[in-house]
PDB file of all heavy atoms in Angstrom:
ATOM      1  N   PHE A   1      64.277-170.581 -92.645  1.00  0.00           N
ATOM      2  CA  PHE A   1      62.870-170.675 -92.127  1.00  0.00           C
ATOM      3  C   PHE A   1      61.964-171.085 -93.287  1.00  0.00           C
ATOM      4  O   PHE A   1      62.215-170.597 -94.408  1.00  0.00           O
ATOM      5  CB  PHE A   1      62.427-169.341 -91.445  1.00  0.00           C
ATOM      6  CG  PHE A   1      63.081-169.012 -90.242  1.00  0.00           C
ATOM      7  CD1 PHE A   1      64.012-167.959 -90.195  1.00  0.00           C
ATOM      8  CD2 PHE A   1      62.795-169.670 -89.051  1.00  0.00           C
ATOM      9  CE1 PHE A   1      64.617-167.595 -89.038  1.00  0.00           C
ATOM     10  CE2 PHE A   1      63.457-169.307 -87.882  1.00  0.00           C
ATOM     11  CZ  PHE A   1      64.340-168.284 -87.811  1.00  0.00           C
ATOM     12  N   PRO A   2      60.982-171.806 -93.058  1.00  0.00           N
ATOM     13  CA  PRO A   2      59.936-171.995 -94.084  1.00  0.00           C
ATOM     14  C   PRO A   2      59.263-170.703 -94.430  1.00  0.00           C
ATOM     15  O   PRO A   2      59.210-169.752 -93.693  1.00  0.00           O
ATOM     16  CB  PRO A   2      58.911-172.974 -93.323  1.00  0.00           C
ATOM     17  CG  PRO A   2      59.661-173.575 -92.150  1.00  0.00           C
ATOM     18  CD  PRO A   2      60.646-172.590 -91.774  1.00  0.00           C
ATOM     19  N   ASP A   3      58.731-170.686 -95.658  1.00  0.00           N
ATOM     20  CA  ASP A   3      58.173-169.436 -96.136  1.00  0.00           C
ATOM     21  C   ASP A   3      57.040-168.933 -95.331  1.00  0.00           C
ATOM     22  O   ASP A   3      56.746-167.690 -95.195  1.00  0.00           O
ATOM     23  CB  ASP A   3      57.661-169.560 -97.594  1.00  0.00           C
ATOM     24  CG  ASP A   3      58.853-169.812 -98.540  1.00  0.00           C
ATOM     25  OD1 ASP A   3      59.916-169.368 -98.266  1.00  0.00           O
ATOM     26  OD2 ASP A   3      58.580-170.326 -99.684  1.00  0.00           O
ATOM     27  N   ASP A   4      56.301-169.803 -94.653  1.00  0.00           N
ATOM     28  CA  ASP A   4      55.141-169.439 -93.855  1.00  0.00           C
ATOM     29  C   ASP A   4      55.448-169.286 -92.372  1.00  0.00           C
ATOM     30  O   ASP A   4      54.597-169.112 -91.525  1.00  0.00           O
ATOM     31  CB  ASP A   4      53.994-170.464 -94.015  1.00  0.00           C
ATOM     32  CG  ASP A   4      54.378-171.874 -93.591  1.00  0.00           C
ATOM     33  OD1 ASP A   4      55.579-172.087 -93.357  1.00  0.00           O
ATOM     34  OD2 ASP A   4      53.455-172.714 -93.519  1.00  0.00           O
ATOM     35  N   ALA A   5      56.732-169.354 -91.963  1.00  0.00           N
ATOM     36  CA  ALA A   5      57.117-169.166 -90.573  1.00  0.00           C
ATOM     37  C   ALA A   5      56.825-167.715 -90.147  1.00  0.00           C
ATOM     38  O   ALA A   5      57.025-166.738 -90.802  1.00  0.00           O
ATOM     39  CB  ALA A   5      58.532-169.492 -90.425  1.00  0.00           C
ATOM     40  N   HIS A   6      56.233-167.647 -88.863  1.00  0.00           N
ATOM     41  CA  HIS A   6      55.868-166.357 -88.353  1.00  0.00           C
ATOM     42  C   HIS A   6      57.144-165.730 -87.654  1.00  0.00           C
ATOM     43  O   HIS A   6      57.180-165.634 -86.456  1.00  0.00           O
ATOM     44  CB  HIS A   6      54.678-166.430 -87.425  1.00  0.00           C
ATOM     45  CG  HIS A   6      53.343-166.759 -88.114  1.00  0.00           C
ATOM     46  ND1 HIS A   6      52.177-166.569 -87.499  1.00  0.00           N
ATOM     47  CD2 HIS A   6      53.146-167.270 -89.345  1.00  0.00           C
ATOM     48  CE1 HIS A   6      51.151-166.896 -88.313  1.00  0.00           C
ATOM     49  NE2 HIS A   6      51.739-167.362 -89.445  1.00  0.00           N
ATOM     50  N   VAL A   7      58.033-165.300 -88.398  1.00  0.00           N
ATOM     51  CA  VAL A   7      59.253-164.735 -87.955  1.00  0.00           C
ATOM     52  C   VAL A   7      59.424-163.366 -88.647  1.00  0.00           C
ATOM     53  O   VAL A   7      59.270-163.278 -89.864  1.00  0.00           O
ATOM     54  CB  VAL A   7      60.459-165.611 -88.315  1.00  0.00           C
ATOM     55  CG1 VAL A   7      61.758-165.001 -87.810  1.00  0.00           C
ATOM     56  CG2 VAL A   7      60.330-167.031 -87.676  1.00  0.00           C
ATOM     57  N   PRO A   8      59.703-162.288 -87.909  1.00  0.00           N
ATOM     58  CA  PRO A   8      59.750-160.973 -88.514  1.00  0.00           C
ATOM     59  C   PRO A   8      60.915-160.798 -89.438  1.00  0.00           C
ATOM     60  O   PRO A   8      60.851-159.892 -90.343  1.00  0.00           O
ATOM     61  CB  PRO A   8      59.875-159.961 -87.305  1.00  0.00           C
ATOM     62  CG  PRO A   8      60.361-160.831 -86.207  1.00  0.00           C
ATOM     63  CD  PRO A   8      59.853-162.239 -86.420  1.00  0.00           C
ATOM     64  N   ARG A   9      61.947-161.556 -89.299  1.00  0.00           N
ATOM     65  CA  ARG A   9      63.097-161.522 -90.197  1.00  0.00           C
ATOM     66  C   ARG A   9      63.614-160.074 -90.346  1.00  0.00           C
ATOM     67  O   ARG A   9      63.924-159.593 -91.383  1.00  0.00           O
ATOM     68  CB  ARG A   9      62.736-162.073 -91.615  1.00  0.00           C
ATOM     69  CG  ARG A   9      62.065-163.370 -91.519  1.00  0.00           C
ATOM     70  CD  ARG A   9      61.854-164.104 -92.890  1.00  0.00           C
ATOM     71  NE  ARG A   9      60.854-165.191 -92.755  1.00  0.00           N
ATOM     72  CZ  ARG A   9      60.764-166.214 -93.535  1.00  0.00           C
ATOM     73  NH1 ARG A   9      61.654-166.316 -94.487  1.00  0.00           N
ATOM     74  NH2 ARG A   9      59.868-167.168 -93.351  1.00  0.00           N
ATOM     75  N   ASN A  10      63.902-159.523 -89.170  1.00  0.00           N
ATOM     76  CA  ASN A  10      64.381-158.054 -89.178  1.00  0.00           C
ATOM     77  C   ASN A  10      65.793-157.993 -89.783  1.00  0.00           C
ATOM     78  O   ASN A  10      65.934-157.601 -90.918  1.00  0.00           O
ATOM     79  CB  ASN A  10      64.401-157.544 -87.734  1.00  0.00           C
ATOM     80  CG  ASN A  10      63.033-157.100 -87.264  1.00  0.00           C
ATOM     81  OD1 ASN A  10      62.019-157.544 -87.811  1.00  0.00           O
ATOM     82  ND2 ASN A  10      62.979-156.261 -86.288  1.00  0.00           N
ATOM     83  N   GLY A  11      66.719-158.316 -88.997  1.00  0.00           N
ATOM     84  CA  GLY A  11      68.109-158.499 -89.544  1.00  0.00           C
ATOM     85  C   GLY A  11      68.746-157.324 -90.227  1.00  0.00           C
ATOM     86  O   GLY A  11      69.764-157.574 -90.937  1.00  0.00           O
ATOM     87  N   ARG A  12      68.284-156.150 -90.078  1.00  0.00           N
ATOM     88  CA  ARG A  12      68.682-155.053 -90.963  1.00  0.00           C
ATOM     89  C   ARG A  12      69.840-154.256 -90.385  1.00  0.00           C
ATOM     90  O   ARG A  12      70.286-154.467 -89.189  1.00  0.00           O
ATOM     91  CB  ARG A  12      67.553-154.150 -91.194  1.00  0.00           C
ATOM     92  CG  ARG A  12      67.111-153.497 -89.908  1.00  0.00           C
ATOM     93  CD  ARG A  12      65.738-152.786 -90.095  1.00  0.00           C
ATOM     94  NE  ARG A  12      65.076-152.614 -88.845  1.00  0.00           N
ATOM     95  CZ  ARG A  12      63.775-152.360 -88.688  1.00  0.00           C
ATOM     96  NH1 ARG A  12      63.001-152.193 -89.742  1.00  0.00           N
ATOM     97  NH2 ARG A  12      63.245-152.270 -87.486  1.00  0.00           N
ATOM     98  N   ILE A  13      70.325-153.310 -91.130  1.00  0.00           N
ATOM     99  CA  ILE A  13      71.228-152.272 -90.615  1.00  0.00           C
ATOM    100  C   ILE A  13      70.409-151.005 -90.404  1.00  0.00           C
ATOM    101  O   ILE A  13      69.732-150.535 -91.341  1.00  0.00           O
ATOM    102  CB  ILE A  13      72.445-151.979 -91.548  1.00  0.00           C
ATOM    103  CG1 ILE A  13      73.240-153.251 -91.746  1.00  0.00           C
ATOM    104  CG2 ILE A  13      73.262-150.824 -91.080  1.00  0.00           C
ATOM    105  CD1 ILE A  13      74.356-153.068 -92.817  1.00  0.00           C
ATOM    106  N   LYS A  14      70.459-150.445 -89.164  1.00  0.00           N
ATOM    107  CA  LYS A  14      69.505-149.310 -88.860  1.00  0.00           C
ATOM    108  C   LYS A  14      70.120-148.339 -87.984  1.00  0.00           C
ATOM    109  O   LYS A  14      70.706-148.641 -86.958  1.00  0.00           O
ATOM    110  CB  LYS A  14      68.194-149.885 -88.219  1.00  0.00           C
ATOM    111  CG  LYS A  14      67.190-148.821 -87.868  1.00  0.00           C
ATOM    112  CD  LYS A  14      65.935-149.404 -87.181  1.00  0.00           C
ATOM    113  CE  LYS A  14      66.125-149.762 -85.789  1.00  0.00           C
ATOM    114  NZ  LYS A  14      64.861-150.098 -85.112  1.00  0.00           N
ATOM    115  N   CYS A  15      70.004-147.035 -88.352  1.00  0.00           N
ATOM    116  CA  CYS A  15      70.381-145.951 -87.387  1.00  0.00           C
ATOM    117  C   CYS A  15      69.077-145.530 -86.730  1.00  0.00           C
ATOM    118  O   CYS A  15      68.146-145.035 -87.396  1.00  0.00           O
ATOM    119  CB  CYS A  15      70.957-144.752 -88.123  1.00  0.00           C
ATOM    120  SG  CYS A  15      72.611-145.014 -88.775  1.00  0.00           S
ATOM    121  N   GLY A  16      68.936-145.734 -85.460  1.00  0.00           N
ATOM    122  CA  GLY A  16      67.738-145.528 -84.623  1.00  0.00           C
ATOM    123  C   GLY A  16      67.325-146.829 -83.985  1.00  0.00           C
ATOM    124  O   GLY A  16      68.081-147.795 -84.054  1.00  0.00           O
ATOM    125  N   THR A  17      66.133-146.910 -83.358  1.00  0.00           N
ATOM    126  CA  THR A  17      65.178-145.835 -83.297  1.00  0.00           C
ATOM    127  C   THR A  17      65.559-144.863 -82.228  1.00  0.00           C
ATOM    128  O   THR A  17      65.174-143.662 -82.318  1.00  0.00           O
ATOM    129  CB  THR A  17      63.756-146.532 -83.050  1.00  0.00           C
ATOM    130  OG1 THR A  17      63.515-147.320 -84.097  1.00  0.00           O
ATOM    131  CG2 THR A  17      62.713-145.433 -82.909  1.00  0.00           C
ATOM    132  N   GLU A  18      66.158-145.267 -81.123  1.00  0.00           N
ATOM    133  CA  GLU A  18      66.577-144.285 -80.147  1.00  0.00           C
ATOM    134  C   GLU A  18      67.454-143.295 -80.795  1.00  0.00           C
ATOM    135  O   GLU A  18      68.455-143.594 -81.416  1.00  0.00           O
ATOM    136  CB  GLU A  18      67.348-145.026 -79.017  1.00  0.00           C
ATOM    137  CG  GLU A  18      66.486-145.766 -78.019  1.00  0.00           C
ATOM    138  CD  GLU A  18      66.051-147.127 -78.533  1.00  0.00           C
ATOM    139  OE1 GLU A  18      66.450-147.506 -79.624  1.00  0.00           O
ATOM    140  OE2 GLU A  18      65.303-147.736 -77.858  1.00  0.00           O
ATOM    141  N   SER A  19      67.001-141.987 -80.696  1.00  0.00           N
ATOM    142  CA  SER A  19      67.639-140.931 -81.565  1.00  0.00           C
ATOM    143  C   SER A  19      67.603-139.582 -80.898  1.00  0.00           C
ATOM    144  O   SER A  19      66.941-138.682 -81.467  1.00  0.00           O
ATOM    145  CB  SER A  19      67.044-140.911 -82.948  1.00  0.00           C
ATOM    146  OG  SER A  19      65.640-140.870 -82.855  1.00  0.00           O
ATOM    147  N   ASN A  20      68.242-139.408 -79.795  1.00  0.00           N
ATOM    148  CA  ASN A  20      68.251-138.124 -79.076  1.00  0.00           C
ATOM    149  C   ASN A  20      69.351-137.292 -79.513  1.00  0.00           C
ATOM    150  O   ASN A  20      69.265-136.036 -79.686  1.00  0.00           O
ATOM    151  CB  ASN A  20      68.304-138.391 -77.543  1.00  0.00           C
ATOM    152  CG  ASN A  20      66.944-138.945 -77.007  1.00  0.00           C
ATOM    153  OD1 ASN A  20      66.040-138.251 -76.789  1.00  0.00           O
ATOM    154  ND2 ASN A  20      66.930-140.277 -76.904  1.00  0.00           N
ATOM    155  N   GLY A  21      70.546-137.828 -79.534  1.00  0.00           N
ATOM    156  CA  GLY A  21      71.760-137.045 -79.881  1.00  0.00           C
ATOM    157  C   GLY A  21      71.925-136.839 -81.402  1.00  0.00           C
ATOM    158  O   GLY A  21      71.829-135.697 -81.839  1.00  0.00           O
ATOM    159  N   GLY A  22      72.181-137.917 -82.059  1.00  0.00           N
ATOM    160  CA  GLY A  22      72.322-137.796 -83.492  1.00  0.00           C
ATOM    161  C   GLY A  22      73.206-138.820 -84.114  1.00  0.00           C
ATOM    162  O   GLY A  22      73.883-139.639 -83.357  1.00  0.00           O
ATOM    163  N   PHE A  23      73.345-138.808 -85.379  1.00  0.00           N
ATOM    164  CA  PHE A  23      74.226-139.652 -86.158  1.00  0.00           C
ATOM    165  C   PHE A  23      74.909-138.816 -87.210  1.00  0.00           C
ATOM    166  O   PHE A  23      74.288-138.189 -88.060  1.00  0.00           O
ATOM    167  CB  PHE A  23      73.347-140.728 -86.920  1.00  0.00           C
ATOM    168  CG  PHE A  23      72.440-141.481 -85.951  1.00  0.00           C
ATOM    169  CD1 PHE A  23      71.111-141.157 -85.871  1.00  0.00           C
ATOM    170  CD2 PHE A  23      72.915-142.548 -85.167  1.00  0.00           C
ATOM    171  CE1 PHE A  23      70.243-141.801 -85.076  1.00  0.00           C
ATOM    172  CE2 PHE A  23      72.051-143.232 -84.366  1.00  0.00           C
ATOM    173  CZ  PHE A  23      70.698-142.875 -84.277  1.00  0.00           C
ATOM    174  N   ARG A  24      76.185-138.752 -87.113  1.00  0.00           N
ATOM    175  CA  ARG A  24      76.984-137.845 -88.055  1.00  0.00           C
ATOM    176  C   ARG A  24      78.223-138.601 -88.513  1.00  0.00           C
ATOM    177  O   ARG A  24      78.868-139.348 -87.823  1.00  0.00           O
ATOM    178  CB  ARG A  24      77.418-136.615 -87.229  1.00  0.00           C
ATOM    179  CG  ARG A  24      76.249-135.805 -86.672  1.00  0.00           C
ATOM    180  CD  ARG A  24      76.738-134.575 -85.946  1.00  0.00           C
ATOM    181  NE  ARG A  24      77.685-134.861 -84.882  1.00  0.00           N
ATOM    182  CZ  ARG A  24      78.151-134.018 -83.995  1.00  0.00           C
ATOM    183  NH1 ARG A  24      77.715-132.730 -84.073  1.00  0.00           N
ATOM    184  NH2 ARG A  24      78.974-134.375 -83.045  1.00  0.00           N
ATOM    185  N   ASN A  25      78.458-138.401 -89.847  1.00  0.00           N
ATOM    186  CA  ASN A  25      79.598-139.023 -90.458  1.00  0.00           C
ATOM    187  C   ASN A  25      79.470-140.571 -90.352  1.00  0.00           C
ATOM    188  O   ASN A  25      80.316-141.246 -89.718  1.00  0.00           O
ATOM    189  CB  ASN A  25      80.935-138.553 -89.900  1.00  0.00           C
ATOM    190  CG  ASN A  25      81.121-137.075 -90.075  1.00  0.00           C
ATOM    191  OD1 ASN A  25      80.496-136.447 -90.892  1.00  0.00           O
ATOM    192  ND2 ASN A  25      82.053-136.556 -89.328  1.00  0.00           N
ATOM    193  N   ILE A  26      78.523-141.129 -90.997  1.00  0.00           N
ATOM    194  CA  ILE A  26      78.225-142.602 -90.986  1.00  0.00           C
ATOM    195  C   ILE A  26      78.398-143.068 -92.398  1.00  0.00           C
ATOM    196  O   ILE A  26      77.825-142.558 -93.360  1.00  0.00           O
ATOM    197  CB  ILE A  26      76.794-142.921 -90.489  1.00  0.00           C
ATOM    198  CG1 ILE A  26      76.467-142.163 -89.163  1.00  0.00           C
ATOM    199  CG2 ILE A  26      76.662-144.398 -90.380  1.00  0.00           C
ATOM    200  CD1 ILE A  26      77.278-142.640 -88.011  1.00  0.00           C
ATOM    201  N   THR A  27      79.171-144.129 -92.587  1.00  0.00           N
ATOM    202  CA  THR A  27      79.381-144.800 -93.864  1.00  0.00           C
ATOM    203  C   THR A  27      78.972-146.273 -93.738  1.00  0.00           C
ATOM    204  O   THR A  27      79.436-146.985 -92.878  1.00  0.00           O
ATOM    205  CB  THR A  27      80.905-144.765 -94.304  1.00  0.00           C
ATOM    206  OG1 THR A  27      81.257-143.377 -94.583  1.00  0.00           O
ATOM    207  CG2 THR A  27      81.099-145.606 -95.573  1.00  0.00           C
ATOM    208  N   ILE A  28      78.010-146.657 -94.616  1.00  0.00           N
ATOM    209  CA  ILE A  28      77.545-148.064 -94.726  1.00  0.00           C
ATOM    210  C   ILE A  28      77.891-148.499 -96.065  1.00  0.00           C
ATOM    211  O   ILE A  28      77.268-148.101 -97.070  1.00  0.00           O
ATOM    212  CB  ILE A  28      76.060-148.042 -94.402  1.00  0.00           C
ATOM    213  CG1 ILE A  28      75.754-147.381 -93.047  1.00  0.00           C
ATOM    214  CG2 ILE A  28      75.479-149.493 -94.464  1.00  0.00           C
ATOM    215  CD1 ILE A  28      74.238-147.246 -92.808  1.00  0.00           C
ATOM    216  N   THR A  29      78.903-149.400 -96.174  1.00  0.00           N
ATOM    217  CA  THR A  29      79.381-149.715 -97.526  1.00  0.00           C
ATOM    218  C   THR A  29      79.765-151.258 -97.621  1.00  0.00           C
ATOM    219  O   THR A  29      80.224-151.834 -96.664  1.00  0.00           O
ATOM    220  CB  THR A  29      80.615-148.854 -97.813  1.00  0.00           C
ATOM    221  OG1 THR A  29      81.099-149.086 -99.098  1.00  0.00           O
ATOM    222  CG2 THR A  29      81.740-149.167 -96.879  1.00  0.00           C
ATOM    223  N   GLY A  30      79.474-151.714 -98.820  1.00  0.00           N
ATOM    224  CA  GLY A  30      79.998-153.056 -99.116  1.00  0.00           C
ATOM    225  C   GLY A  30      79.345-154.255 -98.394  1.00  0.00           C
ATOM    226  O   GLY A  30      79.889-155.312 -98.299  1.00  0.00           O
ATOM    227  N   ASN A  31      78.098-153.984 -97.874  1.00  0.00           N
ATOM    228  CA  ASN A  31      77.474-154.972 -97.078  1.00  0.00           C
ATOM    229  C   ASN A  31      76.528-155.860 -97.939  1.00  0.00           C
ATOM    230  O   ASN A  31      75.941-155.381 -98.967  1.00  0.00           O
ATOM    231  CB  ASN A  31      76.678-154.376 -95.964  1.00  0.00           C
ATOM    232  CG  ASN A  31      77.559-153.573 -95.035  1.00  0.00           C
ATOM    233  OD1 ASN A  31      78.227-154.100 -94.182  1.00  0.00           O
ATOM    234  ND2 ASN A  31      77.512-152.223 -95.143  1.00  0.00           N
ATOM    235  N   VAL A  32      76.297-157.097 -97.554  1.00  0.00           N
ATOM    236  CA  VAL A  32      75.428-158.015 -98.175  1.00  0.00           C
ATOM    237  C   VAL A  32      74.248-158.314 -97.224  1.00  0.00           C
ATOM    238  O   VAL A  32      74.452-158.653 -96.060  1.00  0.00           O
ATOM    239  CB  VAL A  32      76.138-159.384 -98.563  1.00  0.00           C
ATOM    240  CG1 VAL A  32      75.062-160.348 -99.149  1.00  0.00           C
ATOM    241  CG2 VAL A  32      77.263-159.146 -99.556  1.00  0.00           C
ATOM    242  N   ILE A  33      73.034-157.969 -97.714  1.00  0.00           N
ATOM    243  CA  ILE A  33      71.825-157.972 -96.869  1.00  0.00           C
ATOM    244  C   ILE A  33      70.845-158.935 -97.463  1.00  0.00           C
ATOM    245  O   ILE A  33      70.401-158.760 -98.582  1.00  0.00           O
ATOM    246  CB  ILE A  33      71.282-156.609 -96.803  1.00  0.00           C
ATOM    247  CG1 ILE A  33      72.284-155.659 -96.140  1.00  0.00           C
ATOM    248  CG2 ILE A  33      69.973-156.537 -96.019  1.00  0.00           C
ATOM    249  CD1 ILE A  33      72.009-154.180 -96.258  1.00  0.00           C
ATOM    250  N   GLU A  34      70.463-159.993 -96.753  1.00  0.00           N
ATOM    251  CA  GLU A  34      69.718-161.153 -97.362  1.00  0.00           C
ATOM    252  C   GLU A  34      68.564-161.578 -96.452  1.00  0.00           C
ATOM    253  O   GLU A  34      68.756-161.761 -95.234  1.00  0.00           O
ATOM    254  CB  GLU A  34      70.632-162.286 -97.651  1.00  0.00           C
ATOM    255  CG  GLU A  34      69.900-163.494 -98.250  1.00  0.00           C
ATOM    256  CD  GLU A  34      70.754-164.753 -98.262  1.00  0.00           C
ATOM    257  OE1 GLU A  34      71.594-164.986 -97.358  1.00  0.00           O
ATOM    258  OE2 GLU A  34      70.683-165.530 -99.264  1.00  0.00           O
ATOM    259  N   GLY A  35      67.407-161.794 -97.041  1.00  0.00           N
ATOM    260  CA  GLY A  35      66.202-162.363 -96.359  1.00  0.00           C
ATOM    261  C   GLY A  35      65.853-161.615 -95.106  1.00  0.00           C
ATOM    262  O   GLY A  35      65.517-162.225 -94.096  1.00  0.00           O
ATOM    263  N   CYS A  36      65.879-160.291 -95.152  1.00  0.00           N
ATOM    264  CA  CYS A  36      65.559-159.461 -93.978  1.00  0.00           C
ATOM    265  C   CYS A  36      65.029-158.103 -94.427  1.00  0.00           C
ATOM    266  O   CYS A  36      64.730-157.877 -95.584  1.00  0.00           O
ATOM    267  CB  CYS A  36      66.695-159.361 -92.998  1.00  0.00           C
ATOM    268  SG  CYS A  36      68.213-158.584 -93.761  1.00  0.00           S
ATOM    269  N   LYS A  37      64.964-157.213 -93.496  1.00  0.00           N
ATOM    270  CA  LYS A  37      64.648-155.818 -93.871  1.00  0.00           C
ATOM    271  C   LYS A  37      65.952-155.173 -94.337  1.00  0.00           C
ATOM    272  O   LYS A  37      67.061-155.727 -94.210  1.00  0.00           O
ATOM    273  CB  LYS A  37      64.076-155.068 -92.629  1.00  0.00           C
ATOM    274  CG  LYS A  37      62.752-155.702 -92.188  1.00  0.00           C
ATOM    275  CD  LYS A  37      62.111-154.997 -91.052  1.00  0.00           C
ATOM    276  CE  LYS A  37      60.811-155.700 -90.694  1.00  0.00           C
ATOM    277  NZ  LYS A  37      60.081-154.964 -89.595  1.00  0.00           N
ATOM    278  N   GLY A  38      65.854-153.959 -94.863  1.00  0.00           N
ATOM    279  CA  GLY A  38      66.941-153.394 -95.529  1.00  0.00           C
ATOM    280  C   GLY A  38      67.775-152.410 -94.623  1.00  0.00           C
ATOM    281  O   GLY A  38      68.168-152.771 -93.550  1.00  0.00           O
ATOM    282  N   ILE A  39      68.059-151.224 -95.194  1.00  0.00           N
ATOM    283  CA  ILE A  39      68.829-150.193 -94.459  1.00  0.00           C
ATOM    284  C   ILE A  39      67.836-149.074 -94.049  1.00  0.00           C
ATOM    285  O   ILE A  39      67.125-148.601 -94.886  1.00  0.00           O
ATOM    286  CB  ILE A  39      69.998-149.628 -95.294  1.00  0.00           C
ATOM    287  CG1 ILE A  39      71.051-150.784 -95.430  1.00  0.00           C
ATOM    288  CG2 ILE A  39      70.584-148.398 -94.663  1.00  0.00           C
ATOM    289  CD1 ILE A  39      72.207-150.377 -96.297  1.00  0.00           C
ATOM    290  N   SER A  40      67.895-148.698 -92.780  1.00  0.00           N
ATOM    291  CA  SER A  40      66.955-147.706 -92.228  1.00  0.00           C
ATOM    292  C   SER A  40      67.770-146.525 -91.578  1.00  0.00           C
ATOM    293  O   SER A  40      68.743-146.817 -90.822  1.00  0.00           O
ATOM    294  CB  SER A  40      66.007-148.224 -91.231  1.00  0.00           C
ATOM    295  OG  SER A  40      65.211-149.274 -91.843  1.00  0.00           O
ATOM    296  N   LEU A  41      67.471-145.319 -91.923  1.00  0.00           N
ATOM    297  CA  LEU A  41      67.955-144.156 -91.229  1.00  0.00           C
ATOM    298  C   LEU A  41      66.771-143.454 -90.555  1.00  0.00           C
ATOM    299  O   LEU A  41      65.835-142.968 -91.272  1.00  0.00           O
ATOM    300  CB  LEU A  41      68.625-143.184 -92.194  1.00  0.00           C
ATOM    301  CG  LEU A  41      69.727-143.731 -93.121  1.00  0.00           C
ATOM    302  CD1 LEU A  41      70.249-142.696 -94.031  1.00  0.00           C
ATOM    303  CD2 LEU A  41      70.857-144.302 -92.233  1.00  0.00           C
ATOM    304  N   GLU A  42      66.658-143.512 -89.257  1.00  0.00           N
ATOM    305  CA  GLU A  42      65.553-142.974 -88.517  1.00  0.00           C
ATOM    306  C   GLU A  42      65.959-141.961 -87.519  1.00  0.00           C
ATOM    307  O   GLU A  42      66.725-142.243 -86.655  1.00  0.00           O
ATOM    308  CB  GLU A  42      64.830-144.233 -87.842  1.00  0.00           C
ATOM    309  CG  GLU A  42      64.382-145.302 -88.798  1.00  0.00           C
ATOM    310  CD  GLU A  42      63.857-146.518 -88.068  1.00  0.00           C
ATOM    311  OE1 GLU A  42      63.685-146.516 -86.863  1.00  0.00           O
ATOM    312  OE2 GLU A  42      63.592-147.544 -88.794  1.00  0.00           O
ATOM    313  N   THR A  43      65.263-140.868 -87.522  1.00  0.00           N
ATOM    314  CA  THR A  43      65.436-139.865 -86.466  1.00  0.00           C
ATOM    315  C   THR A  43      64.038-139.385 -86.010  1.00  0.00           C
ATOM    316  O   THR A  43      63.345-138.754 -86.754  1.00  0.00           O
ATOM    317  CB  THR A  43      66.319-138.658 -86.935  1.00  0.00           C
ATOM    318  OG1 THR A  43      66.202-137.609 -85.919  1.00  0.00           O
ATOM    319  CG2 THR A  43      65.942-138.128 -88.263  1.00  0.00           C
ATOM    320  N   SER A  44      63.712-139.770 -84.751  1.00  0.00           N
ATOM    321  CA  SER A  44      62.392-139.590 -84.246  1.00  0.00           C
ATOM    322  C   SER A  44      62.341-138.825 -82.950  1.00  0.00           C
ATOM    323  O   SER A  44      61.306-138.406 -82.506  1.00  0.00           O
ATOM    324  CB  SER A  44      61.716-140.982 -84.004  1.00  0.00           C
ATOM    325  OG  SER A  44      61.666-141.722 -85.183  1.00  0.00           O
ATOM    326  N   ASP A  45      63.536-138.621 -82.288  1.00  0.00           N
ATOM    327  CA  ASP A  45      63.565-138.016 -81.029  1.00  0.00           C
ATOM    328  C   ASP A  45      64.383-136.761 -81.003  1.00  0.00           C
ATOM    329  O   ASP A  45      65.091-136.468 -79.994  1.00  0.00           O
ATOM    330  CB  ASP A  45      64.089-139.032 -80.018  1.00  0.00           C
ATOM    331  CG  ASP A  45      63.327-140.274 -79.988  1.00  0.00           C
ATOM    332  OD1 ASP A  45      62.085-140.195 -79.971  1.00  0.00           O
ATOM    333  OD2 ASP A  45      63.909-141.404 -80.004  1.00  0.00           O
ATOM    334  N   GLY A  46      64.505-136.082 -82.127  1.00  0.00           N
ATOM    335  CA  GLY A  46      65.287-134.782 -82.160  1.00  0.00           C
ATOM    336  C   GLY A  46      66.723-134.966 -82.593  1.00  0.00           C
ATOM    337  O   GLY A  46      67.477-134.040 -82.422  1.00  0.00           O
TER     338      GLY A  46
END
């Protein structure tokens, strides 16, 4: 995309946002993340 393109460029690895039960024993390893958001761990719903 051009630098001025109105694109959110999300593209990330994310736990959440829906987060009622949980996330347990998660391994995020050896990934290449480019031109987007990063890694998110989110718990908002208990």
